[in-house]
Amino acid sequence: MGSTETTTPAPREGAERDTHDLAGLEAGLDALDTVQTRRTPLRETLLQKVLPPLTAVLLVLLVWQILVWAKVTDSYKLPAPDAVWHEIEIAWRQGTLLDYIWTSVSRGMLGFLMALAIGTPLGLLVARVRFVRAAIGPVLSGLQSLPSVAWVPPAVIWLGLNDKMMYAVILLGAVPSIANGLVAGVDQVPPLFLRAGRTLGATGLRGTWHIVMPAALPGYLAGLKQGWAFSWRSLMAAEIIAQSPDLGMGLGQLLEAGRTNSSMSQVFLAILLILIVGIAIDLLIFSPLERWVLRSRGLLVK
């Protein structure tokens, strides 16, 4: 009588296969977690970041010059690009070009820093205390929607034609934006982060500094960027309306002087300088901060 033999998989072979599968899974997860970084070549940087805006500027200048050649309006209403360049040369030779820029930039930056010092604790207070949010939250939203130019007449009456008036208009324009940005960022913090922080003993100011602020950083940074935009626009509105020898000659005063003198080339010069300052502040300060935040969260490779 023959005997039948049954063969079963060896336990050792199954264990080796499971170990191999786990190793492959770990390798895949490690590949997902690893951020591939490389140094961007200069040519690629120029093509991706320098060439597009430069092309846009050249196209604007070309369309501008074509409109001048086509004589779509009188020359005193639409000056040629070379006329505006001539205004730049005159201001540079007279040594006033940098003075125009510095007068406005120094006011704007100092006013923004004061708004930052006020808006940050105010935003935290509104975000963390329900009663304060119910009382002040709608007021902040209303102030943010109010045009900054509306604050210039009362500021002049209250404070007079001086730098205090300028800073008051900047604060009233920028503080609500910074506070609301921080409130929005705090509202987006996952509750799990807060519970984990409390479990580890991070409560009160420690929890705010180590848990809430880092988690709310994207929204806070968006509020800062918007706050600077409101600061700059508020300052320009104040400089255009408020005219006094004691205030010096900023970009807003330069724009108003061009209107008074019916010099469109001077008006275009002031608009160009205001635009350049706004772009420069964004590229030099806020864009690097945004890239750092995205890179720290693994959302930006290059």
C-alpha atoms as a PDB file:
ATOM      1  CA  MET A   1       0.000   0.000   0.000  1.00  0.00           C
ATOM      2  CA  GLY A   2       1.610   3.279  -1.151  1.00  0.00           C
ATOM      3  CA  SER A   3       2.022   6.234   1.127  1.00  0.00           C
ATOM      4  CA  THR A   4       1.134   9.821   0.008  1.00  0.00           C
ATOM      5  CA  GLU A   5       3.335  12.681   1.020  1.00  0.00           C
ATOM      6  CA  THR A   6       2.018  16.258   1.391  1.00  0.00           C
ATOM      7  CA  THR A   7       4.410  19.145   0.943  1.00  0.00           C
ATOM      8  CA  THR A   8       3.877  22.405   2.857  1.00  0.00           C
ATOM      9  CA  PRO A   9       5.739  25.694   2.327  1.00  0.00           C
ATOM     10  CA  ALA A  10       8.712  25.946   4.531  1.00  0.00           C
ATOM     11  CA  PRO A  11       8.227  28.492   7.345  1.00  0.00           C
ATOM     12  CA  ARG A  12      11.646  29.896   6.618  1.00  0.00           C
ATOM     13  CA  GLU A  13      10.790  30.721   3.010  1.00  0.00           C
ATOM     14  CA  GLY A  14       7.601  32.526   4.058  1.00  0.00           C
ATOM     15  CA  ALA A  15       9.469  34.568   6.640  1.00  0.00           C
ATOM     16  CA  GLU A  16      12.094  35.559   4.075  1.00  0.00           C
ATOM     17  CA  ARG A  17       9.387  36.632   1.643  1.00  0.00           C
ATOM     18  CA  ASP A  18       7.648  38.753   4.316  1.00  0.00           C
ATOM     19  CA  THR A  19      10.960  40.324   5.266  1.00  0.00           C
ATOM     20  CA  HIS A  20      11.626  41.161   1.623  1.00  0.00           C
ATOM     21  CA  ASP A  21       8.175  42.752   1.244  1.00  0.00           C
ATOM     22  CA  LEU A  22       8.658  44.838   4.389  1.00  0.00           C
ATOM     23  CA  ALA A  23      12.051  45.996   3.171  1.00  0.00           C
ATOM     24  CA  GLY A  24      10.532  47.061  -0.134  1.00  0.00           C
ATOM     25  CA  LEU A  25       7.747  48.928   1.655  1.00  0.00           C
ATOM     26  CA  GLU A  26      10.237  50.746   3.913  1.00  0.00           C
ATOM     27  CA  ALA A  27      12.337  51.685   0.892  1.00  0.00           C
ATOM     28  CA  GLY A  28       9.268  53.119  -0.821  1.00  0.00           C
ATOM     29  CA  LEU A  29       8.301  55.155   2.225  1.00  0.00           C
ATOM     30  CA  ASP A  30      11.865  56.425   2.570  1.00  0.00           C
ATOM     31  CA  ALA A  31      11.775  57.505  -1.071  1.00  0.00           C
ATOM     32  CA  LEU A  32       8.565  59.404  -0.449  1.00  0.00           C
ATOM     33  CA  ASP A  33      10.004  61.146   2.597  1.00  0.00           C
ATOM     34  CA  THR A  34      13.274  62.044   0.902  1.00  0.00           C
ATOM     35  CA  VAL A  35      13.205  65.457  -0.736  1.00  0.00           C
ATOM     36  CA  GLN A  36      15.350  65.503  -3.821  1.00  0.00           C
ATOM     37  CA  THR A  37      17.261  68.759  -3.757  1.00  0.00           C
ATOM     38  CA  ARG A  38      19.658  70.047  -6.329  1.00  0.00           C
ATOM     39  CA  ARG A  39      21.268  73.318  -7.107  1.00  0.00           C
ATOM     40  CA  THR A  40      19.344  75.141  -9.818  1.00  0.00           C
ATOM     41  CA  PRO A  41      21.611  76.071 -12.727  1.00  0.00           C
ATOM     42  CA  LEU A  42      21.996  79.776 -13.414  1.00  0.00           C
ATOM     43  CA  ARG A  43      20.627  79.406 -16.928  1.00  0.00           C
ATOM     44  CA  GLU A  44      17.468  77.720 -15.639  1.00  0.00           C
ATOM     45  CA  THR A  45      17.015  80.423 -12.988  1.00  0.00           C
ATOM     46  CA  LEU A  46      17.312  83.166 -15.603  1.00  0.00           C
ATOM     47  CA  LEU A  47      14.845  81.438 -17.912  1.00  0.00           C
ATOM     48  CA  GLN A  48      12.240  80.736 -15.218  1.00  0.00           C
ATOM     49  CA  LYS A  49      12.441  83.772 -12.941  1.00  0.00           C
ATOM     50  CA  VAL A  50      14.130  86.635 -14.790  1.00  0.00           C
ATOM     51  CA  LEU A  51      13.053  86.248 -18.386  1.00  0.00           C
ATOM     52  CA  PRO A  52       9.224  86.214 -17.865  1.00  0.00           C
ATOM     53  CA  PRO A  53       8.988  89.524 -15.933  1.00  0.00           C
ATOM     54  CA  LEU A  54      11.586  91.129 -18.189  1.00  0.00           C
ATOM     55  CA  THR A  55       9.562  90.081 -21.233  1.00  0.00           C
ATOM     56  CA  ALA A  56       6.402  91.519 -19.669  1.00  0.00           C
ATOM     57  CA  VAL A  57       8.133  94.859 -19.003  1.00  0.00           C
ATOM     58  CA  LEU A  58       9.421  95.018 -22.576  1.00  0.00           C
ATOM     59  CA  LEU A  59       5.947  94.274 -23.935  1.00  0.00           C
ATOM     60  CA  VAL A  60       4.437  97.058 -21.817  1.00  0.00           C
ATOM     61  CA  LEU A  61       7.070  99.509 -23.048  1.00  0.00           C
ATOM     62  CA  LEU A  62       6.461  98.412 -26.634  1.00  0.00           C
ATOM     63  CA  VAL A  63       2.689  98.864 -26.369  1.00  0.00           C
ATOM     64  CA  TRP A  64       3.247 102.216 -24.645  1.00  0.00           C
ATOM     65  CA  GLN A  65       5.533 103.414 -27.446  1.00  0.00           C
ATOM     66  CA  ILE A  66       3.123 102.160 -30.127  1.00  0.00           C
ATOM     67  CA  LEU A  67       0.303 104.160 -28.513  1.00  0.00           C
ATOM     68  CA  VAL A  68       2.530 107.255 -28.538  1.00  0.00           C
ATOM     69  CA  TRP A  69       3.406 106.739 -32.206  1.00  0.00           C
ATOM     70  CA  ALA A  70      -0.266 106.186 -33.057  1.00  0.00           C
ATOM     71  CA  LYS A  71      -1.124 109.494 -31.316  1.00  0.00           C
ATOM     72  CA  VAL A  72      -4.174 108.046 -29.607  1.00  0.00           C
ATOM     73  CA  THR A  73      -4.229 111.164 -27.433  1.00  0.00           C
ATOM     74  CA  ASP A  74      -2.345 114.412 -26.959  1.00  0.00           C
ATOM     75  CA  SER A  75       1.337 114.162 -26.044  1.00  0.00           C
ATOM     76  CA  TYR A  76       0.842 116.053 -22.786  1.00  0.00           C
ATOM     77  CA  LYS A  77      -1.645 113.375 -21.677  1.00  0.00           C
ATOM     78  CA  LEU A  78       0.477 110.386 -22.693  1.00  0.00           C
ATOM     79  CA  PRO A  79       4.219 111.116 -22.603  1.00  0.00           C
ATOM     80  CA  ALA A  80       6.665 108.871 -24.398  1.00  0.00           C
ATOM     81  CA  PRO A  81       8.846 106.446 -22.404  1.00  0.00           C
ATOM     82  CA  ASP A  82      11.932 108.530 -23.163  1.00  0.00           C
ATOM     83  CA  ALA A  83      10.253 111.587 -21.604  1.00  0.00           C
ATOM     84  CA  VAL A  84       9.771 109.668 -18.352  1.00  0.00           C
ATOM     85  CA  TRP A  85      13.375 108.481 -18.562  1.00  0.00           C
ATOM     86  CA  HIS A  86      14.415 112.109 -18.940  1.00  0.00           C
ATOM     87  CA  GLU A  87      12.579 112.912 -15.689  1.00  0.00           C
ATOM     88  CA  ILE A  88      14.521 110.117 -13.994  1.00  0.00           C
ATOM     89  CA  GLU A  89      17.801 111.550 -15.267  1.00  0.00           C
ATOM     90  CA  ILE A  90      16.921 115.034 -14.028  1.00  0.00           C
ATOM     91  CA  ALA A  91      15.961 113.763 -10.564  1.00  0.00           C
ATOM     92  CA  TRP A  92      19.161 111.699 -10.393  1.00  0.00           C
ATOM     93  CA  ARG A  93      21.396 114.609 -11.379  1.00  0.00           C
ATOM     94  CA  GLN A  94      19.675 116.846  -8.837  1.00  0.00           C
ATOM     95  CA  GLY A  95      20.162 114.222  -6.149  1.00  0.00           C
ATOM     96  CA  THR A  96      16.448 114.051  -5.320  1.00  0.00           C
ATOM     97  CA  LEU A  97      15.549 110.650  -6.763  1.00  0.00           C
ATOM     98  CA  LEU A  98      16.791 108.625  -3.802  1.00  0.00           C
ATOM     99  CA  ASP A  99      15.378 111.218  -1.393  1.00  0.00           C
ATOM    100  CA  TYR A 100      11.885 110.707  -2.839  1.00  0.00           C
ATOM    101  CA  ILE A 101      12.200 106.952  -2.390  1.00  0.00           C
ATOM    102  CA  TRP A 102      13.793 106.994   1.075  1.00  0.00           C
ATOM    103  CA  THR A 103      11.269 109.467   2.494  1.00  0.00           C
ATOM    104  CA  SER A 104       8.364 107.190   1.624  1.00  0.00           C
ATOM    105  CA  VAL A 105      10.081 103.847   2.272  1.00  0.00           C
ATOM    106  CA  SER A 106      11.323 104.879   5.729  1.00  0.00           C
ATOM    107  CA  ARG A 107       7.833 106.062   6.688  1.00  0.00           C
ATOM    108  CA  GLY A 108       6.208 102.945   5.297  1.00  0.00           C
ATOM    109  CA  MET A 109       8.593 100.506   6.981  1.00  0.00           C
ATOM    110  CA  LEU A 110       8.441 102.237  10.374  1.00  0.00           C
ATOM    111  CA  GLY A 111       4.652 102.411  10.197  1.00  0.00           C
ATOM    112  CA  PHE A 112       4.487  98.745   9.197  1.00  0.00           C
ATOM    113  CA  LEU A 113       6.708  97.707  12.113  1.00  0.00           C
ATOM    114  CA  MET A 114       4.457  99.609  14.511  1.00  0.00           C
ATOM    115  CA  ALA A 115       1.414  97.943  12.952  1.00  0.00           C
ATOM    116  CA  LEU A 116       3.144  94.583  13.368  1.00  0.00           C
ATOM    117  CA  ALA A 117       3.796  95.241  17.056  1.00  0.00           C
ATOM    118  CA  ILE A 118       0.131  96.155  17.602  1.00  0.00           C
ATOM    119  CA  GLY A 119      -1.609  93.774  15.209  1.00  0.00           C
ATOM    120  CA  THR A 120       0.141  90.578  16.347  1.00  0.00           C
ATOM    121  CA  PRO A 121      -0.936  90.579  20.023  1.00  0.00           C
ATOM    122  CA  LEU A 122      -4.323  91.948  19.016  1.00  0.00           C
ATOM    123  CA  GLY A 123      -4.801  89.087  16.559  1.00  0.00           C
ATOM    124  CA  LEU A 124      -3.802  86.511  19.171  1.00  0.00           C
ATOM    125  CA  LEU A 125      -6.194  88.039  21.676  1.00  0.00           C
ATOM    126  CA  VAL A 126      -9.078  87.998  19.210  1.00  0.00           C
ATOM    127  CA  ALA A 127      -8.291  84.442  18.120  1.00  0.00           C
ATOM    128  CA  ARG A 128      -7.970  82.958  21.610  1.00  0.00           C
ATOM    129  CA  VAL A 129     -10.602  84.838  23.657  1.00  0.00           C
ATOM    130  CA  ARG A 130     -14.198  84.324  22.543  1.00  0.00           C
ATOM    131  CA  PHE A 131     -15.559  87.450  24.173  1.00  0.00           C
ATOM    132  CA  VAL A 132     -12.911  89.629  22.531  1.00  0.00           C
ATOM    133  CA  ARG A 133     -13.608  88.014  19.158  1.00  0.00           C
ATOM    134  CA  ALA A 134     -17.326  88.668  19.501  1.00  0.00           C
ATOM    135  CA  ALA A 135     -16.685  92.288  20.481  1.00  0.00           C
ATOM    136  CA  ILE A 136     -13.760  93.290  18.228  1.00  0.00           C
ATOM    137  CA  GLY A 137     -13.807  90.775  15.364  1.00  0.00           C
ATOM    138  CA  PRO A 138     -16.529  92.509  13.308  1.00  0.00           C
ATOM    139  CA  VAL A 139     -14.902  95.892  13.945  1.00  0.00           C
ATOM    140  CA  LEU A 140     -11.574  94.642  12.569  1.00  0.00           C
ATOM    141  CA  SER A 141     -13.287  93.263   9.471  1.00  0.00           C
ATOM    142  CA  GLY A 142     -15.073  96.570   8.949  1.00  0.00           C
ATOM    143  CA  LEU A 143     -11.877  98.573   9.376  1.00  0.00           C
ATOM    144  CA  GLN A 144     -10.102  96.343   6.878  1.00  0.00           C
ATOM    145  CA  SER A 145     -12.756  97.028   4.242  1.00  0.00           C
ATOM    146  CA  LEU A 146     -12.714 100.783   4.899  1.00  0.00           C
ATOM    147  CA  PRO A 147     -10.581 102.675   2.338  1.00  0.00           C
ATOM    148  CA  SER A 148      -7.466 104.082   3.985  1.00  0.00           C
ATOM    149  CA  VAL A 149      -7.937 107.448   2.303  1.00  0.00           C
ATOM    150  CA  ALA A 150     -11.013 107.984   4.494  1.00  0.00           C
ATOM    151  CA  TRP A 151      -8.727 108.311   7.540  1.00  0.00           C
ATOM    152  CA  VAL A 152      -6.607 111.117   6.112  1.00  0.00           C
ATOM    153  CA  PRO A 153      -8.986 114.084   6.789  1.00  0.00           C
ATOM    154  CA  PRO A 154      -9.695 113.163  10.441  1.00  0.00           C
ATOM    155  CA  ALA A 155      -6.010 112.364  11.016  1.00  0.00           C
ATOM    156  CA  VAL A 156      -5.048 115.807   9.711  1.00  0.00           C
ATOM    157  CA  ILE A 157      -7.609 117.469  11.989  1.00  0.00           C
ATOM    158  CA  TRP A 158      -6.613 115.447  15.037  1.00  0.00           C
ATOM    159  CA  LEU A 159      -2.823 115.427  14.653  1.00  0.00           C
ATOM    160  CA  GLY A 160      -1.984 118.158  12.139  1.00  0.00           C
ATOM    161  CA  LEU A 161       0.291 118.019   9.092  1.00  0.00           C
ATOM    162  CA  ASN A 162       3.175 116.007  10.500  1.00  0.00           C
ATOM    163  CA  ASP A 163       4.611 112.494  10.527  1.00  0.00           C
ATOM    164  CA  LYS A 164       2.296 111.455  13.377  1.00  0.00           C
ATOM    165  CA  MET A 165      -0.616 111.868  11.018  1.00  0.00           C
ATOM    166  CA  MET A 166       1.128 109.674   8.430  1.00  0.00           C
ATOM    167  CA  TYR A 167       1.785 106.907  10.936  1.00  0.00           C
ATOM    168  CA  ALA A 168      -1.782 107.068  12.260  1.00  0.00           C
ATOM    169  CA  VAL A 169      -3.170 106.495   8.750  1.00  0.00           C
ATOM    170  CA  ILE A 170      -0.739 103.602   8.209  1.00  0.00           C
ATOM    171  CA  LEU A 171      -1.715 101.961  11.505  1.00  0.00           C
ATOM    172  CA  LEU A 172      -5.422 102.264  10.829  1.00  0.00           C
ATOM    173  CA  GLY A 173      -4.904 100.648   7.437  1.00  0.00           C
ATOM    174  CA  ALA A 174      -2.446  97.891   8.341  1.00  0.00           C
ATOM    175  CA  VAL A 175      -3.335  96.720  11.875  1.00  0.00           C
ATOM    176  CA  PRO A 176      -6.703  95.154  10.911  1.00  0.00           C
ATOM    177  CA  SER A 177      -5.109  93.209   8.033  1.00  0.00           C
ATOM    178  CA  ILE A 178      -2.316  91.815  10.214  1.00  0.00           C
ATOM    179  CA  ALA A 179      -4.706  90.913  13.043  1.00  0.00           C
ATOM    180  CA  ASN A 180      -7.233  89.261  10.739  1.00  0.00           C
ATOM    181  CA  GLY A 181      -4.491  87.298   8.990  1.00  0.00           C
ATOM    182  CA  LEU A 182      -3.284  85.919  12.308  1.00  0.00           C
ATOM    183  CA  VAL A 183      -6.842  85.105  13.378  1.00  0.00           C
ATOM    184  CA  ALA A 184      -7.367  83.170  10.143  1.00  0.00           C
ATOM    185  CA  GLY A 185      -4.114  81.301  10.684  1.00  0.00           C
ATOM    186  CA  VAL A 186      -4.966  80.377  14.284  1.00  0.00           C
ATOM    187  CA  ASP A 187      -8.408  79.172  13.219  1.00  0.00           C
ATOM    188  CA  GLN A 188      -6.738  76.699  10.829  1.00  0.00           C
ATOM    189  CA  VAL A 189      -4.538  75.109  13.514  1.00  0.00           C
ATOM    190  CA  PRO A 190      -5.658  71.476  13.951  1.00  0.00           C
ATOM    191  CA  PRO A 191      -7.108  70.877  17.453  1.00  0.00           C
ATOM    192  CA  LEU A 192      -4.873  67.807  17.712  1.00  0.00           C
ATOM    193  CA  PHE A 193      -1.829  70.098  17.816  1.00  0.00           C
ATOM    194  CA  LEU A 194      -3.288  72.032  20.728  1.00  0.00           C
ATOM    195  CA  ARG A 195      -4.190  68.870  22.664  1.00  0.00           C
ATOM    196  CA  ALA A 196      -0.732  67.430  22.066  1.00  0.00           C
ATOM    197  CA  GLY A 197       0.847  70.661  23.249  1.00  0.00           C
ATOM    198  CA  ARG A 198      -1.221  70.689  26.437  1.00  0.00           C
ATOM    199  CA  THR A 199      -0.288  67.070  27.074  1.00  0.00           C
ATOM    200  CA  LEU A 200       3.394  67.995  26.817  1.00  0.00           C
ATOM    201  CA  GLY A 201       2.928  70.969  29.126  1.00  0.00           C
ATOM    202  CA  ALA A 202       2.880  73.690  26.460  1.00  0.00           C
ATOM    203  CA  THR A 203       0.114  75.913  27.831  1.00  0.00           C
ATOM    204  CA  GLY A 204      -0.368  79.658  28.070  1.00  0.00           C
ATOM    205  CA  LEU A 205       2.418  81.692  26.486  1.00  0.00           C
ATOM    206  CA  ARG A 206       4.552  78.608  25.924  1.00  0.00           C
ATOM    207  CA  GLY A 207       1.759  76.978  23.963  1.00  0.00           C
ATOM    208  CA  THR A 208       1.211  80.142  21.965  1.00  0.00           C
ATOM    209  CA  TRP A 209       4.894  80.472  21.101  1.00  0.00           C
ATOM    210  CA  HIS A 210       5.718  76.809  20.442  1.00  0.00           C
ATOM    211  CA  ILE A 211       2.421  75.466  19.079  1.00  0.00           C
ATOM    212  CA  VAL A 212       0.003  78.141  17.905  1.00  0.00           C
ATOM    213  CA  MET A 213       2.350  80.578  16.172  1.00  0.00           C
ATOM    214  CA  PRO A 214       4.336  77.984  14.158  1.00  0.00           C
ATOM    215  CA  ALA A 215       1.141  76.230  13.067  1.00  0.00           C
ATOM    216  CA  ALA A 216      -0.536  79.549  12.146  1.00  0.00           C
ATOM    217  CA  LEU A 217       2.514  80.863  10.316  1.00  0.00           C
ATOM    218  CA  PRO A 218       1.147  80.544   6.728  1.00  0.00           C
ATOM    219  CA  GLY A 219      -1.972  82.564   7.523  1.00  0.00           C
ATOM    220  CA  TYR A 220       0.021  85.021   9.605  1.00  0.00           C
ATOM    221  CA  LEU A 221       2.486  85.553   6.761  1.00  0.00           C
ATOM    222  CA  ALA A 222      -0.394  86.185   4.356  1.00  0.00           C
ATOM    223  CA  GLY A 223      -1.708  88.783   6.804  1.00  0.00           C
ATOM    224  CA  LEU A 224       1.722  90.424   7.003  1.00  0.00           C
ATOM    225  CA  LYS A 225       1.950  90.629   3.237  1.00  0.00           C
ATOM    226  CA  GLN A 226      -1.498  92.160   3.008  1.00  0.00           C
ATOM    227  CA  GLY A 227      -0.659  94.448   5.928  1.00  0.00           C
ATOM    228  CA  TRP A 228       2.355  95.814   4.064  1.00  0.00           C
ATOM    229  CA  ALA A 229       0.211  96.422   0.988  1.00  0.00           C
ATOM    230  CA  PHE A 230      -2.286  98.351   3.125  1.00  0.00           C
ATOM    231  CA  SER A 231       0.553 100.271   4.793  1.00  0.00           C
ATOM    232  CA  TRP A 232       1.995 101.321   1.456  1.00  0.00           C
ATOM    233  CA  ARG A 233      -1.342 102.326  -0.027  1.00  0.00           C
ATOM    234  CA  SER A 234      -2.340 104.199   3.124  1.00  0.00           C
ATOM    235  CA  LEU A 235       0.928 106.117   3.077  1.00  0.00           C
ATOM    236  CA  MET A 236       0.528 107.045  -0.582  1.00  0.00           C
ATOM    237  CA  ALA A 237      -3.002 108.313   0.072  1.00  0.00           C
ATOM    238  CA  ALA A 238      -1.775 110.396   3.022  1.00  0.00           C
ATOM    239  CA  GLU A 239       1.159 111.834   1.076  1.00  0.00           C
ATOM    240  CA  ILE A 240      -1.032 112.767  -1.892  1.00  0.00           C
ATOM    241  CA  ILE A 241      -3.643 114.577   0.209  1.00  0.00           C
ATOM    242  CA  ALA A 242      -1.471 116.068   2.979  1.00  0.00           C
ATOM    243  CA  GLN A 243       0.953 118.671   1.632  1.00  0.00           C
ATOM    244  CA  SER A 244       3.369 120.549   3.865  1.00  0.00           C
ATOM    245  CA  PRO A 245       7.039 121.602   3.683  1.00  0.00           C
ATOM    246  CA  ASP A 246       7.550 119.925   7.060  1.00  0.00           C
ATOM    247  CA  LEU A 247       6.582 116.557   5.576  1.00  0.00           C
ATOM    248  CA  GLY A 248       9.292 116.556   2.949  1.00  0.00           C
ATOM    249  CA  MET A 249       8.864 115.224  -0.583  1.00  0.00           C
ATOM    250  CA  GLY A 250       7.850 111.597  -0.761  1.00  0.00           C
ATOM    251  CA  LEU A 251       6.535 109.645  -3.710  1.00  0.00           C
ATOM    252  CA  GLY A 252       2.953 110.658  -2.982  1.00  0.00           C
ATOM    253  CA  GLN A 253       3.905 114.333  -2.870  1.00  0.00           C
ATOM    254  CA  LEU A 254       5.852 113.851  -6.108  1.00  0.00           C
ATOM    255  CA  LEU A 255       2.740 112.411  -7.750  1.00  0.00           C
ATOM    256  CA  GLU A 256       0.606 115.320  -6.550  1.00  0.00           C
ATOM    257  CA  ALA A 257       3.249 117.825  -7.674  1.00  0.00           C
ATOM    258  CA  GLY A 258       3.144 116.339 -11.168  1.00  0.00           C
ATOM    259  CA  ARG A 259      -0.632 116.714 -11.235  1.00  0.00           C
ATOM    260  CA  THR A 260      -0.401 120.312 -10.012  1.00  0.00           C
ATOM    261  CA  ASN A 261       2.205 121.145 -12.662  1.00  0.00           C
ATOM    262  CA  SER A 262       0.281 119.263 -15.371  1.00  0.00           C
ATOM    263  CA  SER A 263       3.431 117.202 -15.992  1.00  0.00           C
ATOM    264  CA  MET A 264       2.375 113.702 -16.980  1.00  0.00           C
ATOM    265  CA  SER A 265       5.981 112.609 -17.287  1.00  0.00           C
ATOM    266  CA  GLN A 266       6.462 113.456 -13.598  1.00  0.00           C
ATOM    267  CA  VAL A 267       3.214 111.687 -12.748  1.00  0.00           C
ATOM    268  CA  PHE A 268       4.380 108.580 -14.605  1.00  0.00           C
ATOM    269  CA  LEU A 269       7.729 108.792 -12.832  1.00  0.00           C
ATOM    270  CA  ALA A 270       6.024 108.790  -9.423  1.00  0.00           C
ATOM    271  CA  ILE A 271       3.758 105.875 -10.403  1.00  0.00           C
ATOM    272  CA  LEU A 272       6.763 103.937 -11.693  1.00  0.00           C
ATOM    273  CA  LEU A 273       8.733 104.481  -8.476  1.00  0.00           C
ATOM    274  CA  ILE A 274       5.751 103.495  -6.299  1.00  0.00           C
ATOM    275  CA  LEU A 275       5.362 100.307  -8.335  1.00  0.00           C
ATOM    276  CA  ILE A 276       9.083  99.479  -8.192  1.00  0.00           C
ATOM    277  CA  VAL A 277       9.207  99.896  -4.402  1.00  0.00           C
ATOM    278  CA  GLY A 278       6.193  97.638  -3.934  1.00  0.00           C
ATOM    279  CA  ILE A 279       7.681  94.932  -6.161  1.00  0.00           C
ATOM    280  CA  ALA A 280      11.109  95.217  -4.512  1.00  0.00           C
ATOM    281  CA  ILE A 281       9.701  94.811  -0.995  1.00  0.00           C
ATOM    282  CA  ASP A 282       7.759  91.746  -2.096  1.00  0.00           C
ATOM    283  CA  LEU A 283      10.760  90.136  -3.834  1.00  0.00           C
ATOM    284  CA  LEU A 284      13.316  90.952  -1.140  1.00  0.00           C
ATOM    285  CA  ILE A 285      11.277  90.287   2.016  1.00  0.00           C
ATOM    286  CA  PHE A 286       7.995  88.450   1.583  1.00  0.00           C
ATOM    287  CA  SER A 287       8.866  86.050  -1.253  1.00  0.00           C
ATOM    288  CA  PRO A 288      11.906  84.625   0.625  1.00  0.00           C
ATOM    289  CA  LEU A 289       9.752  84.247   3.755  1.00  0.00           C
ATOM    290  CA  GLU A 290       7.071  82.411   1.786  1.00  0.00           C
ATOM    291  CA  ARG A 291       9.649  80.091   0.221  1.00  0.00           C
ATOM    292  CA  TRP A 292      11.144  79.374   3.643  1.00  0.00           C
ATOM    293  CA  VAL A 293       7.732  78.496   5.095  1.00  0.00           C
ATOM    294  CA  LEU A 294       6.881  76.237   2.149  1.00  0.00           C
ATOM    295  CA  ARG A 295      10.289  74.569   2.206  1.00  0.00           C
ATOM    296  CA  SER A 296      10.102  73.957   5.951  1.00  0.00           C
ATOM    297  CA  ARG A 297       6.796  72.136   5.395  1.00  0.00           C
ATOM    298  CA  GLY A 298       8.100  70.069   2.486  1.00  0.00           C
ATOM    299  CA  LEU A 299       5.910  71.872  -0.037  1.00  0.00           C
ATOM    300  CA  LEU A 300       8.771  73.381  -2.033  1.00  0.00           C
ATOM    301  CA  VAL A 301      11.635  71.346  -3.425  1.00  0.00           C
ATOM    302  CA  LYS A 302      13.787  73.997  -5.114  1.00  0.00           C
END
